[in-house]
Amino acid sequence: MLDVEIGNAYVCQPIGAKKTLVGVIEKLYEHTALVKVTDYEMEDQSIVLECNQRMLVKFDKITAVAVA
């Protein structure tokens, strides 16, 4: 598990998403993080838009720091 920080962007796979995406951490919870989605695959467009570009991610599904 990465040491995640609020305000940083990470590659992750949120709950309900089919592919990995890039999201900025907005809030940390006990086992999950709330991310604002900044980049995603078209396959996940409907779920991302349905969630207003904010999704929950389990910490073990955060895989890397996103590079700008």
Protein backbone atom coordinates (compact mmCIF):
# COMPACT_ATOMS: atom_id res chain seq x y z
CA MET A 1 0.00 0.00 0.00
CA LEU A 2 1.25 3.46 -0.91
CA ASP A 3 1.49 6.27 1.62
CA VAL A 4 -1.23 8.49 0.11
CA GLU A 5 -1.70 12.19 0.77
CA ILE A 6 -4.64 14.52 0.22
CA GLY A 7 -4.17 16.64 -2.89
CA ASN A 8 -1.93 14.19 -4.77
CA ALA A 9 -2.98 12.28 -7.90
CA TYR A 10 -2.80 8.48 -8.03
CA VAL A 11 -3.52 5.67 -10.45
CA CYS A 12 -6.27 3.58 -8.86
CA GLN A 13 -9.29 1.38 -9.46
CA PRO A 14 -12.33 2.76 -7.64
CA ILE A 15 -15.25 0.66 -6.47
CA GLY A 16 -17.50 0.06 -9.50
CA ALA A 17 -14.94 1.02 -12.18
CA LYS A 18 -13.86 -1.54 -14.76
CA LYS A 19 -10.46 0.02 -15.55
CA THR A 20 -7.85 1.96 -13.63
CA LEU A 21 -8.07 5.73 -13.68
CA VAL A 22 -6.34 8.79 -12.26
CA GLY A 23 -7.83 10.56 -9.28
CA VAL A 24 -6.83 13.27 -6.80
CA ILE A 25 -7.31 12.33 -3.14
CA GLU A 26 -9.88 14.61 -1.50
CA LYS A 27 -10.56 12.80 1.78
CA LEU A 28 -9.20 9.80 3.67
CA TYR A 29 -11.36 7.33 5.56
CA GLU A 30 -10.40 4.27 7.60
CA HIS A 31 -10.15 1.80 4.67
CA THR A 32 -10.88 3.97 1.63
CA ALA A 33 -10.15 7.30 0.04
CA LEU A 34 -12.45 9.69 -1.83
CA VAL A 35 -10.94 10.71 -5.17
CA LYS A 36 -11.93 13.31 -7.72
CA VAL A 37 -11.49 11.59 -11.07
CA THR A 38 -9.28 13.50 -13.50
CA ASP A 39 -8.60 10.92 -16.24
CA TYR A 40 -10.45 7.73 -17.13
CA GLU A 41 -11.14 5.25 -19.93
CA MET A 42 -14.27 5.75 -22.05
CA GLU A 43 -15.48 2.35 -20.83
CA ASP A 44 -15.98 3.87 -17.35
CA GLN A 45 -17.51 7.18 -18.49
CA SER A 46 -21.06 6.35 -17.38
CA ILE A 47 -20.08 5.37 -13.81
CA VAL A 48 -17.72 8.34 -13.44
CA LEU A 49 -20.39 10.81 -14.58
CA GLU A 50 -23.05 9.10 -12.44
CA CYS A 51 -20.82 9.62 -9.38
CA ASN A 52 -20.15 13.29 -10.29
CA GLN A 53 -16.46 12.45 -10.82
CA ARG A 54 -15.99 11.47 -7.16
CA MET A 55 -15.46 7.83 -6.26
CA LEU A 56 -14.33 5.69 -3.34
CA VAL A 57 -11.16 3.65 -3.66
CA LYS A 58 -9.89 0.94 -1.31
CA PHE A 59 -6.30 1.68 -0.25
CA ASP A 60 -5.07 -1.61 -1.73
CA LYS A 61 -6.43 -0.54 -5.14
CA ILE A 62 -4.22 2.57 -5.26
CA THR A 63 -1.28 1.39 -7.34
CA ALA A 64 0.96 4.33 -8.26
CA VAL A 65 1.54 8.05 -8.09
CA ALA A 66 0.20 9.70 -11.27
CA VAL A 67 2.67 11.69 -13.37
CA ALA A 68 1.44 14.96 -14.87
